[in-house]
């Protein structure tokens, strides 16, 4: 999960923002950026029928404006065993990415 969550979020953000220029922290530590997003997964749970996630995210620009903080709490139905749970978590992370992308679009880069 440690590697999967950033990868899935990065892919979903790239799709939401229509740009391939989305990198995970391990890829971008020394690169210049317009926006830097940090995520703190508060809750990541699976049951036989659903996947639920609670993610706090922070967007920073390279300027001096204050960080924008948000939270996405999402539950997705799951079916079909482990593959269904993985798909449900991917859909949930895609919804997190939608919220982050919306906030990025509303936050001017400096």
N, C-alpha and C. Protein backbone atom coordinates (compact mmCIF):
# COMPACT_ATOMS: atom_id res chain seq x y z
N UNK A 1 0.81 -1.20 0.00
CA UNK A 1 0.00 0.00 0.00
C UNK A 1 0.85 1.26 0.00
N UNK A 2 1.99 1.19 0.63
CA UNK A 2 2.87 2.36 0.75
C UNK A 2 3.24 2.91 -0.63
N UNK A 3 3.46 2.04 -1.60
CA UNK A 3 3.79 2.47 -2.96
C UNK A 3 2.56 2.58 -3.84
N UNK A 4 1.55 1.77 -3.57
CA UNK A 4 0.37 1.73 -4.43
C UNK A 4 -0.47 3.01 -4.32
N UNK A 5 -0.68 3.51 -3.12
CA UNK A 5 -1.53 4.70 -2.95
C UNK A 5 -0.95 5.90 -3.70
N UNK A 6 0.33 6.25 -3.54
CA UNK A 6 0.86 7.40 -4.31
C UNK A 6 0.78 7.16 -5.82
N UNK A 7 1.03 5.95 -6.27
CA UNK A 7 0.98 5.66 -7.70
C UNK A 7 -0.43 5.83 -8.26
N UNK A 8 -1.42 5.27 -7.56
CA UNK A 8 -2.80 5.36 -8.02
C UNK A 8 -3.27 6.82 -7.98
N UNK A 9 -2.96 7.54 -6.91
CA UNK A 9 -3.33 8.95 -6.83
C UNK A 9 -2.65 9.78 -7.92
N UNK A 10 -1.38 9.52 -8.15
CA UNK A 10 -0.64 10.24 -9.19
C UNK A 10 -1.26 9.99 -10.56
N UNK A 11 -1.57 8.75 -10.87
CA UNK A 11 -2.19 8.43 -12.16
C UNK A 11 -3.56 9.10 -12.29
N UNK A 12 -4.34 9.07 -11.22
CA UNK A 12 -5.68 9.67 -11.25
C UNK A 12 -5.59 11.19 -11.38
N UNK A 13 -4.64 11.82 -10.68
CA UNK A 13 -4.46 13.27 -10.80
C UNK A 13 -4.01 13.65 -12.20
N UNK A 14 -3.12 12.89 -12.79
CA UNK A 14 -2.67 13.16 -14.15
C UNK A 14 -3.85 13.11 -15.11
N UNK A 15 -4.74 12.15 -14.93
CA UNK A 15 -5.93 12.05 -15.78
C UNK A 15 -6.87 13.22 -15.52
N UNK A 16 -7.11 13.56 -14.27
CA UNK A 16 -8.02 14.66 -13.91
C UNK A 16 -7.52 16.00 -14.43
N UNK A 17 -6.22 16.22 -14.36
CA UNK A 17 -5.64 17.50 -14.76
C UNK A 17 -5.20 17.50 -16.22
N UNK A 18 -5.36 16.37 -16.90
CA UNK A 18 -4.98 16.23 -18.31
C UNK A 18 -3.53 16.64 -18.56
N UNK A 19 -2.65 16.12 -17.72
CA UNK A 19 -1.22 16.38 -17.87
C UNK A 19 -0.42 15.17 -17.41
N UNK A 20 0.65 14.86 -18.10
CA UNK A 20 1.52 13.78 -17.62
C UNK A 20 2.51 14.26 -16.57
N UNK A 21 2.48 15.54 -16.24
CA UNK A 21 3.46 16.14 -15.33
C UNK A 21 3.03 16.06 -13.88
N UNK A 22 2.72 14.86 -13.44
CA UNK A 22 2.38 14.59 -12.05
C UNK A 22 3.34 13.52 -11.57
N UNK A 23 4.07 13.82 -10.51
CA UNK A 23 5.07 12.90 -9.99
C UNK A 23 4.82 12.61 -8.53
N UNK A 24 5.25 11.46 -8.07
CA UNK A 24 5.18 11.16 -6.65
C UNK A 24 6.37 11.79 -5.95
N UNK A 25 6.32 11.85 -4.63
CA UNK A 25 7.39 12.50 -3.88
C UNK A 25 8.74 11.83 -4.10
N UNK A 26 8.74 10.53 -4.29
CA UNK A 26 10.01 9.84 -4.52
C UNK A 26 10.62 10.22 -5.87
N UNK A 27 9.77 10.64 -6.81
CA UNK A 27 10.25 11.02 -8.13
C UNK A 27 10.64 12.49 -8.21
N UNK A 28 10.09 13.32 -7.34
CA UNK A 28 10.17 14.76 -7.57
C UNK A 28 10.82 15.58 -6.45
N UNK A 29 11.53 14.98 -5.57
CA UNK A 29 12.05 15.69 -4.40
C UNK A 29 12.88 16.92 -4.77
N UNK A 30 13.63 16.88 -5.85
CA UNK A 30 14.51 18.00 -6.17
C UNK A 30 14.00 18.84 -7.35
N UNK A 31 12.80 18.59 -7.84
CA UNK A 31 12.28 19.30 -9.00
C UNK A 31 11.47 20.53 -8.60
N UNK A 32 11.49 21.53 -9.48
CA UNK A 32 10.65 22.71 -9.30
C UNK A 32 9.19 22.29 -9.50
N UNK A 33 8.25 23.00 -8.90
CA UNK A 33 6.85 22.60 -8.99
C UNK A 33 5.95 23.82 -9.03
N UNK A 34 4.77 23.64 -9.61
CA UNK A 34 3.72 24.65 -9.52
C UNK A 34 2.86 24.39 -8.29
N UNK A 35 2.55 23.11 -8.08
CA UNK A 35 1.74 22.69 -6.93
C UNK A 35 2.39 21.46 -6.31
N UNK A 36 2.41 21.41 -5.00
CA UNK A 36 2.88 20.23 -4.29
C UNK A 36 1.73 19.76 -3.41
N UNK A 37 1.40 18.49 -3.53
CA UNK A 37 0.28 17.92 -2.78
C UNK A 37 0.81 16.88 -1.81
N UNK A 38 0.43 17.04 -0.55
CA UNK A 38 0.76 16.05 0.47
C UNK A 38 -0.55 15.38 0.89
N UNK A 39 -0.51 14.08 1.08
CA UNK A 39 -1.70 13.38 1.54
C UNK A 39 -1.38 12.64 2.83
N UNK A 40 -2.36 12.62 3.70
CA UNK A 40 -2.26 11.90 4.97
C UNK A 40 -3.48 11.00 5.06
N UNK A 41 -3.27 9.71 4.86
CA UNK A 41 -4.38 8.76 4.88
C UNK A 41 -4.73 8.47 6.34
N UNK A 42 -5.91 8.93 6.74
CA UNK A 42 -6.38 8.75 8.10
C UNK A 42 -7.02 7.37 8.31
N UNK A 43 -7.63 6.90 7.25
CA UNK A 43 -8.42 5.66 7.35
C UNK A 43 -8.42 5.00 5.98
N UNK A 44 -8.12 3.72 5.94
CA UNK A 44 -8.10 2.93 4.70
C UNK A 44 -8.57 1.55 5.10
N UNK A 45 -9.84 1.27 4.86
CA UNK A 45 -10.41 0.04 5.39
C UNK A 45 -11.17 -0.73 4.32
N UNK A 46 -11.14 -2.03 4.45
CA UNK A 46 -11.86 -2.92 3.54
C UNK A 46 -12.75 -3.84 4.36
N UNK A 47 -13.96 -4.04 3.85
CA UNK A 47 -14.84 -5.08 4.38
C UNK A 47 -15.20 -5.96 3.18
N UNK A 48 -16.01 -6.97 3.41
CA UNK A 48 -16.42 -7.85 2.32
C UNK A 48 -17.23 -7.11 1.27
N UNK A 49 -17.85 -6.00 1.63
CA UNK A 49 -18.76 -5.32 0.70
C UNK A 49 -18.38 -3.89 0.34
N UNK A 50 -17.34 -3.33 0.98
CA UNK A 50 -17.00 -1.95 0.65
C UNK A 50 -15.56 -1.60 1.00
N UNK A 51 -15.10 -0.52 0.35
CA UNK A 51 -13.79 0.06 0.63
C UNK A 51 -14.04 1.48 1.10
N UNK A 52 -13.43 1.87 2.20
CA UNK A 52 -13.61 3.24 2.70
C UNK A 52 -12.25 3.86 2.96
N UNK A 53 -12.20 5.17 2.66
CA UNK A 53 -10.96 5.92 2.82
C UNK A 53 -11.28 7.31 3.37
N UNK A 54 -10.40 7.79 4.20
CA UNK A 54 -10.48 9.14 4.74
C UNK A 54 -9.09 9.74 4.55
N UNK A 55 -9.01 10.76 3.69
CA UNK A 55 -7.72 11.32 3.32
C UNK A 55 -7.73 12.83 3.52
N UNK A 56 -6.75 13.31 4.27
CA UNK A 56 -6.52 14.75 4.40
C UNK A 56 -5.43 15.11 3.40
N UNK A 57 -5.68 16.14 2.62
CA UNK A 57 -4.70 16.55 1.61
C UNK A 57 -4.39 18.03 1.74
N UNK A 58 -3.15 18.37 1.39
CA UNK A 58 -2.67 19.75 1.49
C UNK A 58 -2.02 20.13 0.17
N UNK A 59 -2.44 21.28 -0.37
CA UNK A 59 -1.86 21.79 -1.62
C UNK A 59 -1.05 23.03 -1.30
N UNK A 60 0.20 23.02 -1.75
CA UNK A 60 1.06 24.18 -1.59
C UNK A 60 1.49 24.64 -2.98
N UNK A 61 1.62 25.95 -3.14
CA UNK A 61 2.17 26.49 -4.37
C UNK A 61 3.60 26.93 -4.08
N UNK A 62 4.34 27.23 -5.12
CA UNK A 62 5.72 27.65 -4.87
C UNK A 62 5.81 29.07 -4.34
N UNK A 63 4.70 29.81 -4.40
CA UNK A 63 4.66 31.17 -3.87
C UNK A 63 4.48 31.16 -2.36
N UNK A 64 4.14 32.30 -1.84
CA UNK A 64 4.03 32.41 -0.39
C UNK A 64 2.59 32.35 0.10
N UNK A 65 1.66 32.04 -0.78
CA UNK A 65 0.27 31.98 -0.33
C UNK A 65 0.07 30.79 0.61
N UNK A 66 -0.92 30.89 1.49
CA UNK A 66 -1.13 29.81 2.46
C UNK A 66 -1.51 28.50 1.78
N UNK A 67 -1.19 27.43 2.45
CA UNK A 67 -1.55 26.10 1.94
C UNK A 67 -3.06 25.94 1.97
N UNK A 68 -3.56 25.16 1.05
CA UNK A 68 -4.99 24.82 1.03
C UNK A 68 -5.13 23.39 1.54
N UNK A 69 -5.96 23.22 2.55
CA UNK A 69 -6.14 21.90 3.16
C UNK A 69 -7.56 21.44 2.91
N UNK A 70 -7.70 20.17 2.57
CA UNK A 70 -9.02 19.60 2.36
C UNK A 70 -9.08 18.18 2.89
N UNK A 71 -10.25 17.63 2.85
CA UNK A 71 -10.43 16.27 3.35
C UNK A 71 -11.46 15.59 2.45
N UNK A 72 -11.17 14.35 2.10
CA UNK A 72 -12.10 13.55 1.32
C UNK A 72 -12.37 12.27 2.09
N UNK A 73 -13.64 12.02 2.35
CA UNK A 73 -14.08 10.79 3.00
C UNK A 73 -14.97 10.10 1.98
N UNK A 74 -14.64 8.88 1.63
CA UNK A 74 -15.37 8.19 0.56
C UNK A 74 -15.52 6.71 0.88
N UNK A 75 -16.66 6.17 0.48
CA UNK A 75 -16.92 4.73 0.58
C UNK A 75 -17.41 4.25 -0.78
N UNK A 76 -16.82 3.17 -1.26
CA UNK A 76 -17.20 2.59 -2.55
C UNK A 76 -17.63 1.15 -2.33
N UNK A 77 -18.69 0.73 -3.00
CA UNK A 77 -19.10 -0.68 -2.89
C UNK A 77 -18.07 -1.59 -3.54
N UNK A 78 -17.93 -2.78 -2.97
CA UNK A 78 -16.98 -3.76 -3.50
C UNK A 78 -17.69 -5.09 -3.70
N UNK A 79 -17.30 -5.77 -4.73
CA UNK A 79 -17.85 -7.10 -5.01
C UNK A 79 -16.77 -7.94 -5.68
N UNK A 80 -16.88 -9.23 -5.56
CA UNK A 80 -15.97 -10.10 -6.29
C UNK A 80 -14.65 -10.38 -5.63
N UNK A 81 -14.60 -10.44 -4.32
CA UNK A 81 -13.38 -10.83 -3.62
C UNK A 81 -12.31 -9.75 -3.65
N UNK A 82 -11.04 -10.19 -3.65
CA UNK A 82 -9.92 -9.25 -3.56
C UNK A 82 -9.83 -8.32 -4.75
N UNK A 83 -10.13 -8.84 -5.94
CA UNK A 83 -10.10 -7.98 -7.14
C UNK A 83 -11.16 -6.88 -7.03
N UNK A 84 -12.33 -7.23 -6.53
CA UNK A 84 -13.39 -6.25 -6.35
C UNK A 84 -13.02 -5.19 -5.32
N UNK A 85 -12.35 -5.62 -4.25
CA UNK A 85 -11.90 -4.67 -3.23
C UNK A 85 -10.84 -3.73 -3.78
N UNK A 86 -9.90 -4.28 -4.55
CA UNK A 86 -8.86 -3.44 -5.16
C UNK A 86 -9.48 -2.41 -6.09
N UNK A 87 -10.46 -2.83 -6.87
CA UNK A 87 -11.15 -1.91 -7.79
C UNK A 87 -11.90 -0.83 -7.01
N UNK A 88 -12.53 -1.22 -5.90
CA UNK A 88 -13.26 -0.25 -5.08
C UNK A 88 -12.31 0.78 -4.48
N UNK A 89 -11.15 0.34 -4.00
CA UNK A 89 -10.17 1.29 -3.46
C UNK A 89 -9.63 2.19 -4.57
N UNK A 90 -9.44 1.67 -5.75
CA UNK A 90 -8.99 2.51 -6.87
C UNK A 90 -10.03 3.57 -7.20
N UNK A 91 -11.30 3.21 -7.21
CA UNK A 91 -12.37 4.18 -7.45
C UNK A 91 -12.40 5.24 -6.35
N UNK A 92 -12.21 4.79 -5.10
CA UNK A 92 -12.20 5.74 -3.98
C UNK A 92 -11.04 6.72 -4.12
N UNK A 93 -9.86 6.23 -4.47
CA UNK A 93 -8.71 7.11 -4.66
C UNK A 93 -8.92 8.05 -5.85
N UNK A 94 -9.63 7.59 -6.86
CA UNK A 94 -9.96 8.46 -7.99
C UNK A 94 -10.85 9.61 -7.52
N UNK A 95 -11.75 9.34 -6.60
CA UNK A 95 -12.59 10.42 -6.05
C UNK A 95 -11.77 11.39 -5.21
N UNK A 96 -10.78 10.88 -4.49
CA UNK A 96 -9.86 11.77 -3.76
C UNK A 96 -9.14 12.66 -4.78
N UNK A 97 -8.66 12.07 -5.85
CA UNK A 97 -7.95 12.83 -6.89
C UNK A 97 -8.86 13.88 -7.52
N UNK A 98 -10.14 13.58 -7.71
CA UNK A 98 -11.08 14.56 -8.26
C UNK A 98 -11.16 15.78 -7.34
N UNK A 99 -11.25 15.54 -6.05
CA UNK A 99 -11.33 16.65 -5.09
C UNK A 99 -10.04 17.48 -5.11
N UNK A 100 -8.91 16.81 -5.15
CA UNK A 100 -7.62 17.52 -5.19
C UNK A 100 -7.51 18.32 -6.48
N UNK A 101 -7.86 17.71 -7.61
CA UNK A 101 -7.78 18.40 -8.91
C UNK A 101 -8.68 19.62 -8.93
N UNK A 102 -9.88 19.49 -8.38
CA UNK A 102 -10.81 20.63 -8.32
C UNK A 102 -10.17 21.77 -7.51
N UNK A 103 -9.56 21.43 -6.39
CA UNK A 103 -8.92 22.46 -5.55
C UNK A 103 -7.73 23.08 -6.26
N UNK A 104 -6.96 22.29 -7.00
CA UNK A 104 -5.82 22.83 -7.75
C UNK A 104 -6.32 23.82 -8.80
N UNK A 105 -7.36 23.46 -9.51
CA UNK A 105 -7.91 24.37 -10.54
C UNK A 105 -8.36 25.70 -9.92
N UNK A 106 -8.79 25.65 -8.66
CA UNK A 106 -9.26 26.87 -7.99
C UNK A 106 -8.14 27.64 -7.29
N UNK A 107 -6.92 27.09 -7.28
CA UNK A 107 -5.79 27.71 -6.60
C UNK A 107 -4.79 28.22 -7.62
N UNK A 108 -4.62 29.54 -7.73
CA UNK A 108 -3.67 30.06 -8.72
C UNK A 108 -2.22 29.74 -8.34
N UNK A 109 -1.45 29.31 -9.35
CA UNK A 109 -0.02 29.07 -9.12
C UNK A 109 0.69 30.41 -9.05
N UNK A 110 1.78 30.46 -8.34
CA UNK A 110 2.56 31.71 -8.23
C UNK A 110 3.92 31.50 -8.82
